[in-house]
Amino acid sequence: MIIVSACLAGYRCRYDGACKTDPEIVDLIKRGEAIPACPEMLGGLPCPRVPSERTPDGTRVVTKDGGDVTEAFRRGAVETLRLAKLYGCDRAILKSRSPSCGKGMIYNGAFSGTLRAGNGVTTDLLSENGIMVETKD
């Protein structure tokens, strides 16, 4: 079983209220091989919501208007891990560059559209718990 970013499965749960539907992810769900999850919404954030980025030191997640949403991102990561364990997922396919789901490269925390090396909060937690994470645009 694979846990996947709900926005890739066609759910309108991104910060801007949109989705990034990926036909391969939709097929995985239709075949019963994947479970969708949105860590940010599982953490209690609304949709749509103010854009967020992880700070360069990785300790906080802040909104473009200066709010601190770190705890919501942590809660969402924990809930996503709980779902992954519940469904026996050993793999995740998540949305690239996201402060929750990005792997390898995420936005730099300055809301400049610039990427930096790093992972999203959920990616870090899943990886620490033995779940292989890959990302898709």
Foldseek 3Di string as FASTA:
>chain_A
DEEEAVLCLFQQAELASHGNHDVVVVVCVVVVNYDHAHLLVQLPDDPNHAAWAAEQVRPFIAGPVGHTCRSSLLSSLVVSVVVCVVVVAQEYEYADQHLNAHAQWHDHGNPPPDIDGDGHPNVVVSVVVRRHYDYDD
